[in-house]
Amino acid sequence: MAKTTDPQLIARLREESERTKDDPFPEGVRPVRPNRSQVYSVRLSAEEQARVQSVADAMHLPASTLVRSWILDRLDQESA
Protein backbone atom coordinates (compact mmCIF):
# COMPACT_ATOMS: atom_id res chain seq x y z
CA MET A 1 0.00 0.00 0.00
CA ALA A 2 1.42 3.37 -0.98
CA LYS A 3 2.10 5.71 1.92
CA THR A 4 1.69 8.86 -0.17
CA THR A 5 -0.23 9.77 -3.26
CA ASP A 6 0.65 12.02 -6.15
CA PRO A 7 -1.79 14.97 -6.19
CA GLN A 8 -1.15 15.53 -9.91
CA LEU A 9 -1.99 11.91 -10.70
CA ILE A 10 -5.16 12.14 -8.64
CA ALA A 11 -6.18 15.34 -10.41
CA ARG A 12 -5.50 13.77 -13.81
CA LEU A 13 -7.49 10.64 -12.98
CA ARG A 14 -10.34 12.68 -11.52
CA GLU A 15 -10.51 14.82 -14.67
CA GLU A 16 -10.48 11.74 -16.92
CA SER A 17 -13.15 10.07 -14.81
CA GLU A 18 -15.43 13.10 -14.99
CA ARG A 19 -14.82 13.56 -18.70
CA THR A 20 -15.64 9.94 -19.55
CA LYS A 21 -18.30 9.15 -16.92
CA ASP A 22 -21.11 8.94 -19.48
CA ASP A 23 -19.13 7.02 -22.11
CA PRO A 24 -20.24 3.45 -22.75
CA PHE A 25 -18.00 0.62 -21.61
CA PRO A 26 -15.83 -0.87 -24.37
CA GLU A 27 -17.40 -3.83 -26.14
CA GLY A 28 -17.00 -7.07 -24.21
CA VAL A 29 -16.21 -5.34 -20.91
CA ARG A 30 -18.50 -5.67 -17.91
CA PRO A 31 -18.14 -3.41 -14.89
CA VAL A 32 -17.35 -5.22 -11.65
CA ARG A 33 -17.00 -4.13 -8.07
CA PRO A 34 -15.15 -5.94 -5.33
CA ASN A 35 -17.46 -7.97 -3.15
CA ARG A 36 -17.57 -5.58 -0.22
CA SER A 37 -21.00 -6.38 1.13
CA GLN A 38 -20.15 -6.56 4.85
CA VAL A 39 -20.27 -3.30 6.77
CA TYR A 40 -18.64 -2.84 10.16
CA SER A 41 -19.68 -0.02 12.43
CA VAL A 42 -16.87 1.34 14.59
CA ARG A 43 -17.34 3.86 17.37
CA LEU A 44 -14.65 6.51 17.67
CA SER A 45 -14.47 9.58 19.83
CA ALA A 46 -14.68 12.93 18.08
CA GLU A 47 -10.93 13.35 18.61
CA GLU A 48 -10.15 9.92 17.14
CA GLN A 49 -12.39 10.57 14.14
CA ALA A 50 -10.70 13.94 13.57
CA ARG A 51 -7.28 12.26 13.66
CA VAL A 52 -8.38 9.65 11.11
CA GLN A 53 -9.84 12.37 8.89
CA SER A 54 -6.65 14.44 9.16
CA VAL A 55 -4.50 11.51 7.99
CA ALA A 56 -6.96 10.70 5.21
CA ASP A 57 -6.99 14.32 4.03
CA ALA A 58 -3.19 14.41 3.98
CA MET A 59 -3.20 11.29 1.80
CA HIS A 60 -6.01 12.61 -0.43
CA LEU A 61 -8.20 9.61 0.43
CA PRO A 62 -11.68 9.17 1.81
CA ALA A 63 -11.49 8.22 5.49
CA SER A 64 -13.29 4.92 4.82
CA THR A 65 -10.67 3.95 2.23
CA LEU A 66 -7.87 4.75 4.66
CA VAL A 67 -9.44 2.74 7.48
CA ARG A 68 -10.13 -0.19 5.13
CA SER A 69 -6.48 -0.15 4.02
CA TRP A 70 -5.33 -0.17 7.66
CA ILE A 71 -7.51 -3.16 8.42
CA LEU A 72 -6.33 -5.07 5.35
CA ASP A 73 -2.68 -4.22 6.08
CA ARG A 74 -3.05 -5.54 9.63
CA LEU A 75 -4.76 -8.70 8.42
CA ASP A 76 -1.83 -9.26 6.06
CA GLN A 77 0.59 -8.82 8.99
CA GLU A 78 -1.37 -11.26 11.14
CA SER A 79 -1.33 -13.95 8.45
CA ALA A 80 2.42 -13.56 7.72
C-alpha atoms as a PDB file:
ATOM      1  CA  MET A   1       0.000   0.000   0.000  1.00  0.00           C
ATOM      2  CA  ALA A   2       1.423   3.370  -0.975  1.00  0.00           C
ATOM      3  CA  LYS A   3       2.096   5.711   1.919  1.00  0.00           C
ATOM      4  CA  THR A   4       1.687   8.859  -0.172  1.00  0.00           C
ATOM      5  CA  THR A   5      -0.234   9.766  -3.264  1.00  0.00           C
ATOM      6  CA  ASP A   6       0.650  12.018  -6.155  1.00  0.00           C
ATOM      7  CA  PRO A   7      -1.789  14.969  -6.195  1.00  0.00           C
ATOM      8  CA  GLN A   8      -1.147  15.531  -9.908  1.00  0.00           C
ATOM      9  CA  LEU A   9      -1.995  11.908 -10.700  1.00  0.00           C
ATOM     10  CA  ILE A  10      -5.158  12.143  -8.636  1.00  0.00           C
ATOM     11  CA  ALA A  11      -6.182  15.342 -10.414  1.00  0.00           C
ATOM     12  CA  ARG A  12      -5.495  13.771 -13.810  1.00  0.00           C
ATOM     13  CA  LEU A  13      -7.486  10.635 -12.976  1.00  0.00           C
ATOM     14  CA  ARG A  14     -10.345  12.681 -11.518  1.00  0.00           C
ATOM     15  CA  GLU A  15     -10.506  14.817 -14.667  1.00  0.00           C
ATOM     16  CA  GLU A  16     -10.483  11.741 -16.920  1.00  0.00           C
ATOM     17  CA  SER A  17     -13.147  10.068 -14.809  1.00  0.00           C
ATOM     18  CA  GLU A  18     -15.434  13.095 -14.987  1.00  0.00           C
ATOM     19  CA  ARG A  19     -14.817  13.563 -18.703  1.00  0.00           C
ATOM     20  CA  THR A  20     -15.642   9.936 -19.551  1.00  0.00           C
ATOM     21  CA  LYS A  21     -18.295   9.145 -16.919  1.00  0.00           C
ATOM     22  CA  ASP A  22     -21.112   8.938 -19.484  1.00  0.00           C
ATOM     23  CA  ASP A  23     -19.129   7.024 -22.115  1.00  0.00           C
ATOM     24  CA  PRO A  24     -20.242   3.452 -22.749  1.00  0.00           C
ATOM     25  CA  PHE A  25     -18.004   0.616 -21.612  1.00  0.00           C
ATOM     26  CA  PRO A  26     -15.833  -0.874 -24.371  1.00  0.00           C
ATOM     27  CA  GLU A  27     -17.397  -3.830 -26.144  1.00  0.00           C
ATOM     28  CA  GLY A  28     -16.998  -7.066 -24.211  1.00  0.00           C
ATOM     29  CA  VAL A  29     -16.212  -5.336 -20.910  1.00  0.00           C
ATOM     30  CA  ARG A  30     -18.496  -5.674 -17.910  1.00  0.00           C
ATOM     31  CA  PRO A  31     -18.140  -3.411 -14.888  1.00  0.00           C
ATOM     32  CA  VAL A  32     -17.352  -5.218 -11.652  1.00  0.00           C
ATOM     33  CA  ARG A  33     -17.003  -4.129  -8.065  1.00  0.00           C
ATOM     34  CA  PRO A  34     -15.154  -5.936  -5.332  1.00  0.00           C
ATOM     35  CA  ASN A  35     -17.458  -7.974  -3.154  1.00  0.00           C
ATOM     36  CA  ARG A  36     -17.565  -5.578  -0.220  1.00  0.00           C
ATOM     37  CA  SER A  37     -20.996  -6.383   1.126  1.00  0.00           C
ATOM     38  CA  GLN A  38     -20.145  -6.557   4.848  1.00  0.00           C
ATOM     39  CA  VAL A  39     -20.275  -3.303   6.772  1.00  0.00           C
ATOM     40  CA  TYR A  40     -18.635  -2.835  10.164  1.00  0.00           C
ATOM     41  CA  SER A  41     -19.678  -0.024  12.429  1.00  0.00           C
ATOM     42  CA  VAL A  42     -16.867   1.335  14.593  1.00  0.00           C
ATOM     43  CA  ARG A  43     -17.341   3.856  17.368  1.00  0.00           C
ATOM     44  CA  LEU A  44     -14.652   6.511  17.666  1.00  0.00           C
ATOM     45  CA  SER A  45     -14.468   9.579  19.833  1.00  0.00           C
ATOM     46  CA  ALA A  46     -14.675  12.930  18.084  1.00  0.00           C
ATOM     47  CA  GLU A  47     -10.928  13.346  18.614  1.00  0.00           C
ATOM     48  CA  GLU A  48     -10.148   9.919  17.139  1.00  0.00           C
ATOM     49  CA  GLN A  49     -12.391  10.570  14.139  1.00  0.00           C
ATOM     50  CA  ALA A  50     -10.700  13.938  13.573  1.00  0.00           C
ATOM     51  CA  ARG A  51      -7.279  12.261  13.663  1.00  0.00           C
ATOM     52  CA  VAL A  52      -8.383   9.655  11.108  1.00  0.00           C
ATOM     53  CA  GLN A  53      -9.843  12.370   8.891  1.00  0.00           C
ATOM     54  CA  SER A  54      -6.652  14.436   9.155  1.00  0.00           C
ATOM     55  CA  VAL A  55      -4.496  11.514   7.994  1.00  0.00           C
ATOM     56  CA  ALA A  56      -6.963  10.702   5.210  1.00  0.00           C
ATOM     57  CA  ASP A  57      -6.987  14.320   4.030  1.00  0.00           C
ATOM     58  CA  ALA A  58      -3.185  14.406   3.984  1.00  0.00           C
ATOM     59  CA  MET A  59      -3.197  11.292   1.798  1.00  0.00           C
ATOM     60  CA  HIS A  60      -6.015  12.615  -0.430  1.00  0.00           C
ATOM     61  CA  LEU A  61      -8.197   9.612   0.434  1.00  0.00           C
ATOM     62  CA  PRO A  62     -11.680   9.167   1.810  1.00  0.00           C
ATOM     63  CA  ALA A  63     -11.486   8.220   5.488  1.00  0.00           C
ATOM     64  CA  SER A  64     -13.288   4.922   4.819  1.00  0.00           C
ATOM     65  CA  THR A  65     -10.673   3.948   2.229  1.00  0.00           C
ATOM     66  CA  LEU A  66      -7.869   4.754   4.662  1.00  0.00           C
ATOM     67  CA  VAL A  67      -9.442   2.744   7.483  1.00  0.00           C
ATOM     68  CA  ARG A  68     -10.127  -0.193   5.130  1.00  0.00           C
ATOM     69  CA  SER A  69      -6.479  -0.147   4.017  1.00  0.00           C
ATOM     70  CA  TRP A  70      -5.328  -0.166   7.656  1.00  0.00           C
ATOM     71  CA  ILE A  71      -7.512  -3.157   8.419  1.00  0.00           C
ATOM     72  CA  LEU A  72      -6.333  -5.067   5.349  1.00  0.00           C
ATOM     73  CA  ASP A  73      -2.677  -4.221   6.078  1.00  0.00           C
ATOM     74  CA  ARG A  74      -3.054  -5.536   9.631  1.00  0.00           C
ATOM     75  CA  LEU A  75      -4.764  -8.702   8.422  1.00  0.00           C
ATOM     76  CA  ASP A  76      -1.831  -9.256   6.061  1.00  0.00           C
ATOM     77  CA  GLN A  77       0.590  -8.821   8.989  1.00  0.00           C
ATOM     78  CA  GLU A  78      -1.369 -11.259  11.138  1.00  0.00           C
ATOM     79  CA  SER A  79      -1.328 -13.949   8.449  1.00  0.00           C
ATOM     80  CA  ALA A  80       2.419 -13.561   7.717  1.00  0.00           C
END
